[in-house]
Amino acid sequence: MAIKVVIRQDEGVEEGIRRFKRAVNKSGVVMEMRKREFYLKTALRRKQKSEMARRKKW
């Protein structure tokens, strides 16, 4: 899942970096990395999943 941003001719490097950061956030790579950073026991994973569902509902 490589994210690639090509800088246009009329665009500066800063704008290209901004577009890259936006693409990374949109793809969910950072969230996935944080989720996999530590091992979660099955019960804790289930609990966290239900809490996230509860947050999304409200």
N, C-alpha and C. Protein backbone atom coordinates (compact mmCIF):
# COMPACT_ATOMS: atom_id res chain seq x y z
N MET A 1 0.84 -1.18 0.00
CA MET A 1 0.00 0.00 0.00
C MET A 1 0.89 1.24 0.00
N ALA A 2 1.54 1.50 -1.10
CA ALA A 2 2.41 2.67 -1.20
C ALA A 2 1.60 3.89 -1.61
N ILE A 3 1.90 4.99 -0.97
CA ILE A 3 1.23 6.25 -1.28
C ILE A 3 2.22 7.10 -2.06
N LYS A 4 1.76 7.58 -3.20
CA LYS A 4 2.64 8.32 -4.09
C LYS A 4 1.99 9.65 -4.45
N VAL A 5 2.76 10.72 -4.31
CA VAL A 5 2.29 12.05 -4.68
C VAL A 5 3.31 12.66 -5.63
N VAL A 6 2.88 13.02 -6.81
CA VAL A 6 3.75 13.64 -7.79
C VAL A 6 3.54 15.15 -7.71
N ILE A 7 4.64 15.88 -7.52
CA ILE A 7 4.55 17.34 -7.40
C ILE A 7 4.38 17.92 -8.80
N ARG A 8 3.37 18.74 -8.95
CA ARG A 8 3.06 19.37 -10.23
C ARG A 8 4.05 20.51 -10.51
N GLN A 9 4.07 20.97 -11.75
CA GLN A 9 5.02 22.03 -12.13
C GLN A 9 4.71 23.35 -11.42
N ASP A 10 3.45 23.68 -11.30
CA ASP A 10 3.07 24.97 -10.71
C ASP A 10 2.89 24.89 -9.19
N GLU A 11 3.42 23.84 -8.57
CA GLU A 11 3.19 23.59 -7.15
C GLU A 11 4.52 23.57 -6.40
N GLY A 12 4.52 24.11 -5.20
CA GLY A 12 5.71 24.09 -4.38
C GLY A 12 5.86 22.79 -3.61
N VAL A 13 7.00 22.60 -3.01
CA VAL A 13 7.27 21.39 -2.25
C VAL A 13 6.36 21.31 -1.02
N GLU A 14 6.13 22.45 -0.39
CA GLU A 14 5.28 22.47 0.81
C GLU A 14 3.87 21.98 0.50
N GLU A 15 3.35 22.40 -0.64
CA GLU A 15 2.00 21.96 -1.03
C GLU A 15 2.00 20.46 -1.32
N GLY A 16 3.07 19.97 -1.93
CA GLY A 16 3.18 18.53 -2.19
C GLY A 16 3.22 17.73 -0.90
N ILE A 17 3.96 18.23 0.09
CA ILE A 17 4.03 17.57 1.39
C ILE A 17 2.67 17.58 2.06
N ARG A 18 1.94 18.70 1.94
CA ARG A 18 0.60 18.79 2.51
C ARG A 18 -0.34 17.77 1.87
N ARG A 19 -0.25 17.63 0.54
CA ARG A 19 -1.09 16.65 -0.15
C ARG A 19 -0.72 15.23 0.26
N PHE A 20 0.59 14.98 0.46
CA PHE A 20 1.03 13.65 0.89
C PHE A 20 0.50 13.33 2.29
N LYS A 21 0.61 14.27 3.20
CA LYS A 21 0.10 14.05 4.57
C LYS A 21 -1.40 13.78 4.56
N ARG A 22 -2.12 14.53 3.73
CA ARG A 22 -3.56 14.33 3.63
C ARG A 22 -3.87 12.94 3.09
N ALA A 23 -3.11 12.49 2.10
CA ALA A 23 -3.32 11.16 1.52
C ALA A 23 -3.02 10.07 2.54
N VAL A 24 -1.97 10.26 3.34
CA VAL A 24 -1.62 9.27 4.37
C VAL A 24 -2.72 9.19 5.41
N ASN A 25 -3.22 10.33 5.87
CA ASN A 25 -4.30 10.33 6.86
C ASN A 25 -5.56 9.69 6.32
N LYS A 26 -5.87 9.99 5.07
CA LYS A 26 -7.08 9.46 4.45
C LYS A 26 -7.01 7.95 4.28
N SER A 27 -5.82 7.42 3.99
CA SER A 27 -5.67 5.99 3.77
C SER A 27 -5.71 5.19 5.08
N GLY A 28 -5.43 5.83 6.20
CA GLY A 28 -5.50 5.14 7.49
C GLY A 28 -4.24 4.38 7.86
N VAL A 29 -3.13 4.69 7.24
CA VAL A 29 -1.87 3.99 7.51
C VAL A 29 -1.42 4.24 8.94
N VAL A 30 -1.52 5.48 9.39
CA VAL A 30 -1.05 5.83 10.74
C VAL A 30 -1.91 5.14 11.80
N MET A 31 -3.22 5.12 11.60
CA MET A 31 -4.10 4.45 12.56
C MET A 31 -3.80 2.96 12.63
N GLU A 32 -3.55 2.35 11.50
CA GLU A 32 -3.23 0.93 11.46
C GLU A 32 -1.91 0.66 12.17
N MET A 33 -0.94 1.53 11.98
CA MET A 33 0.35 1.37 12.64
C MET A 33 0.20 1.46 14.15
N ARG A 34 -0.56 2.44 14.61
CA ARG A 34 -0.76 2.58 16.05
C ARG A 34 -1.53 1.40 16.64
N LYS A 35 -2.47 0.88 15.85
CA LYS A 35 -3.24 -0.26 16.31
C LYS A 35 -2.36 -1.50 16.47
N ARG A 36 -1.38 -1.66 15.59
CA ARG A 36 -0.52 -2.85 15.60
C ARG A 36 0.76 -2.65 16.42
N GLU A 37 0.91 -1.51 17.04
CA GLU A 37 2.14 -1.21 17.77
C GLU A 37 2.34 -2.18 18.94
N PHE A 38 1.28 -2.49 19.66
CA PHE A 38 1.36 -3.39 20.80
C PHE A 38 0.35 -4.50 20.64
N TYR A 39 0.66 -5.65 21.21
CA TYR A 39 -0.27 -6.77 21.16
C TYR A 39 -1.40 -6.53 22.14
N LEU A 40 -2.63 -6.73 21.69
CA LEU A 40 -3.80 -6.62 22.55
C LEU A 40 -4.41 -8.00 22.73
N LYS A 41 -4.73 -8.31 23.97
CA LYS A 41 -5.42 -9.57 24.21
C LYS A 41 -6.79 -9.51 23.54
N THR A 42 -7.33 -10.67 23.25
CA THR A 42 -8.59 -10.75 22.52
C THR A 42 -9.72 -10.02 23.25
N ALA A 43 -9.80 -10.21 24.55
CA ALA A 43 -10.86 -9.56 25.33
C ALA A 43 -10.73 -8.03 25.27
N LEU A 44 -9.51 -7.53 25.37
CA LEU A 44 -9.30 -6.08 25.31
C LEU A 44 -9.60 -5.54 23.91
N ARG A 45 -9.26 -6.32 22.89
CA ARG A 45 -9.55 -5.89 21.52
C ARG A 45 -11.06 -5.78 21.30
N ARG A 46 -11.81 -6.77 21.82
CA ARG A 46 -13.27 -6.73 21.71
C ARG A 46 -13.84 -5.52 22.43
N LYS A 47 -13.32 -5.27 23.63
CA LYS A 47 -13.79 -4.15 24.43
C LYS A 47 -13.51 -2.83 23.71
N GLN A 48 -12.33 -2.69 23.14
CA GLN A 48 -11.97 -1.48 22.42
C GLN A 48 -12.84 -1.30 21.18
N LYS A 49 -13.13 -2.39 20.50
CA LYS A 49 -13.97 -2.32 19.31
C LYS A 49 -15.38 -1.85 19.66
N SER A 50 -15.93 -2.36 20.77
CA SER A 50 -17.27 -1.94 21.16
C SER A 50 -17.28 -0.47 21.60
N GLU A 51 -16.22 -0.02 22.24
CA GLU A 51 -16.13 1.39 22.63
C GLU A 51 -16.05 2.30 21.42
N MET A 52 -15.30 1.88 20.41
CA MET A 52 -15.22 2.67 19.18
C MET A 52 -16.56 2.74 18.47
N ALA A 53 -17.29 1.62 18.47
CA ALA A 53 -18.62 1.60 17.85
C ALA A 53 -19.55 2.53 18.60
N ARG A 54 -19.45 2.54 19.92
CA ARG A 54 -20.29 3.40 20.74
C ARG A 54 -19.97 4.87 20.45
N ARG A 55 -18.70 5.20 20.28
CA ARG A 55 -18.29 6.59 19.98
C ARG A 55 -18.83 7.01 18.62
N LYS A 56 -18.74 6.12 17.62
CA LYS A 56 -19.20 6.46 16.29
C LYS A 56 -20.70 6.68 16.25
N LYS A 57 -21.43 5.95 17.10
CA LYS A 57 -22.89 6.06 17.11
C LYS A 57 -23.30 7.45 17.59
N TRP A 58 -22.60 8.00 18.55
CA TRP A 58 -22.95 9.30 19.10
C TRP A 58 -22.17 10.33 18.41
